[in-house]
Amino acid sequence: MTPFERVALGFQIAELAAEGIPRAIAAADTVKRAIAEKRDPSPAEWAELQEVTDALHHRIQAATDREDGGA
């Protein structure tokens, strides 16, 4: 990967992260609320938290695979 390709990948990852910010903020709010209430997240809250992290991870991995040819 050339230096230019690495910079382009960085921008693409930043764009993907920015698209996920509203969901990430909502997930952070869920965690803060659970902490304030001195409880663990409910099963539904855990599922949403896992979905948010999995979705962002998948999008970043897919972008990386496209940029480096899947290697």
PDB file of N, CA and C in Angstrom:
ATOM      1  N   MET A   1       0.857  -1.165   0.000  1.00  0.00           N
ATOM      2  CA  MET A   1       0.000   0.000   0.000  1.00  0.00           C
ATOM      3  C   MET A   1       0.906   1.232   0.000  1.00  0.00           C
ATOM      4  N   THR A   2       0.624   2.137  -0.911  1.00  0.00           N
ATOM      5  CA  THR A   2       1.423   3.366  -1.003  1.00  0.00           C
ATOM      6  C   THR A   2       1.029   4.334   0.118  1.00  0.00           C
ATOM      7  N   PRO A   3       1.892   5.322   0.387  1.00  0.00           N
ATOM      8  CA  PRO A   3       1.522   6.315   1.401  1.00  0.00           C
ATOM      9  C   PRO A   3       0.188   7.001   1.084  1.00  0.00           C
ATOM     10  N   PHE A   4      -0.040   7.318  -0.188  1.00  0.00           N
ATOM     11  CA  PHE A   4      -1.300   7.951  -0.570  1.00  0.00           C
ATOM     12  C   PHE A   4      -2.483   7.042  -0.254  1.00  0.00           C
ATOM     13  N   GLU A   5      -2.342   5.746  -0.554  1.00  0.00           N
ATOM     14  CA  GLU A   5      -3.421   4.792  -0.281  1.00  0.00           C
ATOM     15  C   GLU A   5      -3.691   4.693   1.224  1.00  0.00           C
ATOM     16  N   ARG A   6      -2.646   4.781   2.015  1.00  0.00           N
ATOM     17  CA  ARG A   6      -2.820   4.735   3.471  1.00  0.00           C
ATOM     18  C   ARG A   6      -3.588   5.961   3.968  1.00  0.00           C
ATOM     19  N   VAL A   7      -3.264   7.126   3.412  1.00  0.00           N
ATOM     20  CA  VAL A   7      -3.981   8.345   3.797  1.00  0.00           C
ATOM     21  C   VAL A   7      -5.443   8.238   3.378  1.00  0.00           C
ATOM     22  N   ALA A   8      -5.670   7.761   2.156  1.00  0.00           N
ATOM     23  CA  ALA A   8      -7.043   7.599   1.673  1.00  0.00           C
ATOM     24  C   ALA A   8      -7.813   6.628   2.560  1.00  0.00           C
ATOM     25  N   LEU A   9      -7.177   5.546   2.985  1.00  0.00           N
ATOM     26  CA  LEU A   9      -7.811   4.592   3.870  1.00  0.00           C
ATOM     27  C   LEU A   9      -8.149   5.254   5.203  1.00  0.00           C
ATOM     28  N   GLY A  10      -7.239   6.060   5.710  1.00  0.00           N
ATOM     29  CA  GLY A  10      -7.492   6.779   6.961  1.00  0.00           C
ATOM     30  C   GLY A  10      -8.718   7.663   6.853  1.00  0.00           C
ATOM     31  N   PHE A  11      -8.838   8.368   5.742  1.00  0.00           N
ATOM     32  CA  PHE A  11     -10.017   9.216   5.544  1.00  0.00           C
ATOM     33  C   PHE A  11     -11.291   8.378   5.449  1.00  0.00           C
ATOM     34  N   GLN A  12     -11.199   7.258   4.761  1.00  0.00           N
ATOM     35  CA  GLN A  12     -12.376   6.398   4.622  1.00  0.00           C
ATOM     36  C   GLN A  12     -12.798   5.857   5.993  1.00  0.00           C
ATOM     37  N   ILE A  13     -11.839   5.436   6.797  1.00  0.00           N
ATOM     38  CA  ILE A  13     -12.156   4.941   8.137  1.00  0.00           C
ATOM     39  C   ILE A  13     -12.768   6.057   8.976  1.00  0.00           C
ATOM     40  N   ALA A  14     -12.221   7.267   8.856  1.00  0.00           N
ATOM     41  CA  ALA A  14     -12.772   8.403   9.601  1.00  0.00           C
ATOM     42  C   ALA A  14     -14.217   8.678   9.185  1.00  0.00           C
ATOM     43  N   GLU A  15     -14.504   8.597   7.885  1.00  0.00           N
ATOM     44  CA  GLU A  15     -15.871   8.804   7.408  1.00  0.00           C
ATOM     45  C   GLU A  15     -16.811   7.736   7.962  1.00  0.00           C
ATOM     46  N   LEU A  16     -16.360   6.484   7.958  1.00  0.00           N
ATOM     47  CA  LEU A  16     -17.187   5.406   8.498  1.00  0.00           C
ATOM     48  C   LEU A  16     -17.441   5.610   9.988  1.00  0.00           C
ATOM     49  N   ALA A  17     -16.409   6.019  10.694  1.00  0.00           N
ATOM     50  CA  ALA A  17     -16.568   6.273  12.127  1.00  0.00           C
ATOM     51  C   ALA A  17     -17.551   7.413  12.358  1.00  0.00           C
ATOM     52  N   ALA A  18     -17.441   8.471  11.551  1.00  0.00           N
ATOM     53  CA  ALA A  18     -18.341   9.621  11.707  1.00  0.00           C
ATOM     54  C   ALA A  18     -19.794   9.214  11.473  1.00  0.00           C
ATOM     55  N   GLU A  19     -20.021   8.349  10.518  1.00  0.00           N
ATOM     56  CA  GLU A  19     -21.383   7.877  10.257  1.00  0.00           C
ATOM     57  C   GLU A  19     -21.933   7.106  11.448  1.00  0.00           C
ATOM     58  N   GLY A  20     -21.054   6.470  12.213  1.00  0.00           N
ATOM     59  CA  GLY A  20     -21.488   5.690  13.363  1.00  0.00           C
ATOM     60  C   GLY A  20     -21.585   6.488  14.647  1.00  0.00           C
ATOM     61  N   ILE A  21     -21.220   7.766  14.611  1.00  0.00           N
ATOM     62  CA  ILE A  21     -21.192   8.575  15.831  1.00  0.00           C
ATOM     63  C   ILE A  21     -22.550   8.665  16.520  1.00  0.00           C
ATOM     64  N   PRO A  22     -23.646   8.926  15.831  1.00  0.00           N
ATOM     65  CA  PRO A  22     -24.934   8.995  16.544  1.00  0.00           C
ATOM     66  C   PRO A  22     -25.251   7.710  17.313  1.00  0.00           C
ATOM     67  N   ARG A  23     -25.004   6.565  16.703  1.00  0.00           N
ATOM     68  CA  ARG A  23     -25.254   5.298  17.404  1.00  0.00           C
ATOM     69  C   ARG A  23     -24.271   5.105  18.543  1.00  0.00           C
ATOM     70  N   ALA A  24     -23.026   5.531  18.346  1.00  0.00           N
ATOM     71  CA  ALA A  24     -22.029   5.408  19.408  1.00  0.00           C
ATOM     72  C   ALA A  24     -22.413   6.284  20.601  1.00  0.00           C
ATOM     73  N   ILE A  25     -22.916   7.476  20.324  1.00  0.00           N
ATOM     74  CA  ILE A  25     -23.356   8.372  21.402  1.00  0.00           C
ATOM     75  C   ILE A  25     -24.523   7.744  22.151  1.00  0.00           C
ATOM     76  N   ALA A  26     -25.466   7.183  21.421  1.00  0.00           N
ATOM     77  CA  ALA A  26     -26.606   6.526  22.065  1.00  0.00           C
ATOM     78  C   ALA A  26     -26.134   5.347  22.916  1.00  0.00           C
ATOM     79  N   ALA A  27     -25.157   4.590  22.407  1.00  0.00           N
ATOM     80  CA  ALA A  27     -24.625   3.463  23.174  1.00  0.00           C
ATOM     81  C   ALA A  27     -23.928   3.956  24.442  1.00  0.00           C
ATOM     82  N   ALA A  28     -23.160   5.034  24.322  1.00  0.00           N
ATOM     83  CA  ALA A  28     -22.486   5.607  25.495  1.00  0.00           C
ATOM     84  C   ALA A  28     -23.511   6.089  26.511  1.00  0.00           C
ATOM     85  N   ASP A  29     -24.584   6.686  26.033  1.00  0.00           N
ATOM     86  CA  ASP A  29     -25.651   7.134  26.940  1.00  0.00           C
ATOM     87  C   ASP A  29     -26.283   5.953  27.675  1.00  0.00           C
ATOM     88  N   THR A  30     -26.451   4.844  26.981  1.00  0.00           N
ATOM     89  CA  THR A  30     -26.996   3.640  27.609  1.00  0.00           C
ATOM     90  C   THR A  30     -26.093   3.173  28.740  1.00  0.00           C
ATOM     91  N   VAL A  31     -24.790   3.149  28.474  1.00  0.00           N
ATOM     92  CA  VAL A  31     -23.833   2.720  29.492  1.00  0.00           C
ATOM     93  C   VAL A  31     -23.837   3.694  30.672  1.00  0.00           C
ATOM     94  N   LYS A  32     -23.826   4.984  30.385  1.00  0.00           N
ATOM     95  CA  LYS A  32     -23.850   5.989  31.467  1.00  0.00           C
ATOM     96  C   LYS A  32     -25.105   5.849  32.322  1.00  0.00           C
ATOM     97  N   ARG A  33     -26.246   5.611  31.666  1.00  0.00           N
ATOM     98  CA  ARG A  33     -27.507   5.466  32.395  1.00  0.00           C
ATOM     99  C   ARG A  33     -27.458   4.233  33.303  1.00  0.00           C
ATOM    100  N   ALA A  34     -26.936   3.130  32.783  1.00  0.00           N
ATOM    101  CA  ALA A  34     -26.833   1.907  33.588  1.00  0.00           C
ATOM    102  C   ALA A  34     -25.911   2.129  34.784  1.00  0.00           C
ATOM    103  N   ILE A  35     -24.809   2.827  34.564  1.00  0.00           N
ATOM    104  CA  ILE A  35     -23.878   3.114  35.663  1.00  0.00           C
ATOM    105  C   ILE A  35     -24.561   4.000  36.703  1.00  0.00           C
ATOM    106  N   ALA A  36     -25.244   5.034  36.246  1.00  0.00           N
ATOM    107  CA  ALA A  36     -25.930   5.953  37.165  1.00  0.00           C
ATOM    108  C   ALA A  36     -26.987   5.221  37.984  1.00  0.00           C
ATOM    109  N   GLU A  37     -27.619   4.231  37.362  1.00  0.00           N
ATOM    110  CA  GLU A  37     -28.656   3.460  38.042  1.00  0.00           C
ATOM    111  C   GLU A  37     -28.074   2.270  38.809  1.00  0.00           C
ATOM    112  N   LYS A  38     -26.742   2.152  38.773  1.00  0.00           N
ATOM    113  CA  LYS A  38     -26.015   1.085  39.483  1.00  0.00           C
ATOM    114  C   LYS A  38     -26.544  -0.298  39.120  1.00  0.00           C
ATOM    115  N   ARG A  39     -26.581  -0.524  37.809  1.00  0.00           N
ATOM    116  CA  ARG A  39     -27.062  -1.814  37.303  1.00  0.00           C
ATOM    117  C   ARG A  39     -26.280  -2.181  36.056  1.00  0.00           C
ATOM    118  N   ASP A  40     -26.358  -3.433  35.689  1.00  0.00           N
ATOM    119  CA  ASP A  40     -25.808  -3.874  34.409  1.00  0.00           C
ATOM    120  C   ASP A  40     -26.819  -3.548  33.320  1.00  0.00           C
ATOM    121  N   PRO A  41     -26.345  -3.388  32.085  1.00  0.00           N
ATOM    122  CA  PRO A  41     -27.301  -3.197  30.993  1.00  0.00           C
ATOM    123  C   PRO A  41     -28.235  -4.418  30.893  1.00  0.00           C
ATOM    124  N   SER A  42     -29.455  -4.135  30.465  1.00  0.00           N
ATOM    125  CA  SER A  42     -30.418  -5.225  30.263  1.00  0.00           C
ATOM    126  C   SER A  42     -29.970  -6.070  29.073  1.00  0.00           C
ATOM    127  N   PRO A  43     -30.546  -7.257  28.912  1.00  0.00           N
ATOM    128  CA  PRO A  43     -30.200  -8.060  27.734  1.00  0.00           C
ATOM    129  C   PRO A  43     -30.419  -7.294  26.418  1.00  0.00           C
ATOM    130  N   ALA A  44     -31.496  -6.524  26.341  1.00  0.00           N
ATOM    131  CA  ALA A  44     -31.751  -5.740  25.125  1.00  0.00           C
ATOM    132  C   ALA A  44     -30.679  -4.658  24.935  1.00  0.00           C
ATOM    133  N   GLU A  45     -30.290  -4.024  26.036  1.00  0.00           N
ATOM    134  CA  GLU A  45     -29.244  -2.996  25.948  1.00  0.00           C
ATOM    135  C   GLU A  45     -27.906  -3.621  25.541  1.00  0.00           C
ATOM    136  N   TRP A  46     -27.591  -4.783  26.121  1.00  0.00           N
ATOM    137  CA  TRP A  46     -26.348  -5.465  25.726  1.00  0.00           C
ATOM    138  C   TRP A  46     -26.381  -5.794  24.238  1.00  0.00           C
ATOM    139  N   ALA A  47     -27.509  -6.276  23.766  1.00  0.00           N
ATOM    140  CA  ALA A  47     -27.627  -6.635  22.347  1.00  0.00           C
ATOM    141  C   ALA A  47     -27.385  -5.412  21.461  1.00  0.00           C
ATOM    142  N   GLU A  48     -27.959  -4.273  21.832  1.00  0.00           N
ATOM    143  CA  GLU A  48     -27.758  -3.045  21.048  1.00  0.00           C
ATOM    144  C   GLU A  48     -26.298  -2.598  21.099  1.00  0.00           C
ATOM    145  N   LEU A  49     -25.683  -2.659  22.277  1.00  0.00           N
ATOM    146  CA  LEU A  49     -24.269  -2.278  22.401  1.00  0.00           C
ATOM    147  C   LEU A  49     -23.397  -3.168  21.520  1.00  0.00           C
ATOM    148  N   GLN A  50     -23.662  -4.466  21.533  1.00  0.00           N
ATOM    149  CA  GLN A  50     -22.880  -5.393  20.717  1.00  0.00           C
ATOM    150  C   GLN A  50     -23.110  -5.135  19.237  1.00  0.00           C
ATOM    151  N   GLU A  51     -24.354  -4.845  18.869  1.00  0.00           N
ATOM    152  CA  GLU A  51     -24.659  -4.559  17.460  1.00  0.00           C
ATOM    153  C   GLU A  51     -23.906  -3.322  16.968  1.00  0.00           C
ATOM    154  N   VAL A  52     -23.864  -2.297  17.804  1.00  0.00           N
ATOM    155  CA  VAL A  52     -23.161  -1.057  17.425  1.00  0.00           C
ATOM    156  C   VAL A  52     -21.682  -1.339  17.198  1.00  0.00           C
ATOM    157  N   THR A  53     -21.049  -2.026  18.136  1.00  0.00           N
ATOM    158  CA  THR A  53     -19.612  -2.284  17.986  1.00  0.00           C
ATOM    159  C   THR A  53     -19.339  -3.236  16.823  1.00  0.00           C
ATOM    160  N   ASP A  54     -20.179  -4.250  16.649  1.00  0.00           N
ATOM    161  CA  ASP A  54     -19.988  -5.180  15.538  1.00  0.00           C
ATOM    162  C   ASP A  54     -20.151  -4.482  14.190  1.00  0.00           C
ATOM    163  N   ALA A  55     -21.153  -3.614  14.079  1.00  0.00           N
ATOM    164  CA  ALA A  55     -21.402  -2.929  12.807  1.00  0.00           C
ATOM    165  C   ALA A  55     -20.227  -2.036  12.424  1.00  0.00           C
ATOM    166  N   LEU A  56     -19.725  -1.270  13.374  1.00  0.00           N
ATOM    167  CA  LEU A  56     -18.591  -0.405  13.058  1.00  0.00           C
ATOM    168  C   LEU A  56     -17.357  -1.231  12.728  1.00  0.00           C
ATOM    169  N   HIS A  57     -17.101  -2.272  13.492  1.00  0.00           N
ATOM    170  CA  HIS A  57     -15.944  -3.130  13.221  1.00  0.00           C
ATOM    171  C   HIS A  57     -16.043  -3.732  11.822  1.00  0.00           C
ATOM    172  N   HIS A  58     -17.225  -4.232  11.480  1.00  0.00           N
ATOM    173  CA  HIS A  58     -17.421  -4.838  10.158  1.00  0.00           C
ATOM    174  C   HIS A  58     -17.171  -3.819   9.043  1.00  0.00           C
ATOM    175  N   ARG A  59     -17.686  -2.608   9.213  1.00  0.00           N
ATOM    176  CA  ARG A  59     -17.518  -1.587   8.173  1.00  0.00           C
ATOM    177  C   ARG A  59     -16.060  -1.204   8.009  1.00  0.00           C
ATOM    178  N   ILE A  60     -15.342  -1.093   9.115  1.00  0.00           N
ATOM    179  CA  ILE A  60     -13.919  -0.752   9.035  1.00  0.00           C
ATOM    180  C   ILE A  60     -13.145  -1.893   8.382  1.00  0.00           C
ATOM    181  N   GLN A  61     -13.434  -3.133   8.775  1.00  0.00           N
ATOM    182  CA  GLN A  61     -12.748  -4.272   8.168  1.00  0.00           C
ATOM    183  C   GLN A  61     -13.036  -4.353   6.679  1.00  0.00           C
ATOM    184  N   ALA A  62     -14.278  -4.123   6.280  1.00  0.00           N
ATOM    185  CA  ALA A  62     -14.634  -4.181   4.862  1.00  0.00           C
ATOM    186  C   ALA A  62     -13.897  -3.106   4.073  1.00  0.00           C
ATOM    187  N   ALA A  63     -13.792  -1.917   4.647  1.00  0.00           N
ATOM    188  CA  ALA A  63     -13.067  -0.835   3.967  1.00  0.00           C
ATOM    189  C   ALA A  63     -11.591  -1.189   3.837  1.00  0.00           C
ATOM    190  N   THR A  64     -11.032  -1.761   4.866  1.00  0.00           N
ATOM    191  CA  THR A  64      -9.624  -2.150   4.844  1.00  0.00           C
ATOM    192  C   THR A  64      -9.395  -3.231   3.792  1.00  0.00           C
ATOM    193  N   ASP A  65     -10.284  -4.216   3.749  1.00  0.00           N
ATOM    194  CA  ASP A  65     -10.150  -5.299   2.772  1.00  0.00           C
ATOM    195  C   ASP A  65     -10.227  -4.770   1.350  1.00  0.00           C
ATOM    196  N   ARG A  66     -11.104  -3.807   1.086  1.00  0.00           N
ATOM    197  CA  ARG A  66     -11.213  -3.226  -0.254  1.00  0.00           C
ATOM    198  C   ARG A  66      -9.932  -2.499  -0.627  1.00  0.00           C
ATOM    199  N   GLU A  67      -9.359  -1.783   0.318  1.00  0.00           N
ATOM    200  CA  GLU A  67      -8.176  -0.975   0.026  1.00  0.00           C
ATOM    201  C   GLU A  67      -6.923  -1.803  -0.178  1.00  0.00           C
ATOM    202  N   ASP A  68      -6.788  -2.927   0.544  1.00  0.00           N
ATOM    203  CA  ASP A  68      -5.552  -3.697   0.405  1.00  0.00           C
ATOM    204  C   ASP A  68      -5.743  -4.987  -0.395  1.00  0.00           C
ATOM    205  N   GLY A  69      -6.852  -5.071  -1.087  1.00  0.00           N
ATOM    206  CA  GLY A  69      -7.091  -6.225  -1.942  1.00  0.00           C
ATOM    207  C   GLY A  69      -7.467  -7.482  -1.196  1.00  0.00           C
ATOM    208  N   GLY A  70      -7.875  -7.342   0.073  1.00  0.00           N
ATOM    209  CA  GLY A  70      -8.301  -8.493   0.844  1.00  0.00           C
ATOM    210  C   GLY A  70      -7.179  -9.238   1.521  1.00  0.00           C
ATOM    211  N   ALA A  71      -5.970  -8.726   1.449  1.00  0.00           N
ATOM    212  CA  ALA A  71      -4.824  -9.414   2.064  1.00  0.00           C
ATOM    213  C   ALA A  71      -4.736  -9.140   3.533  1.00  0.00           C
TER     214      ALA A  71
END
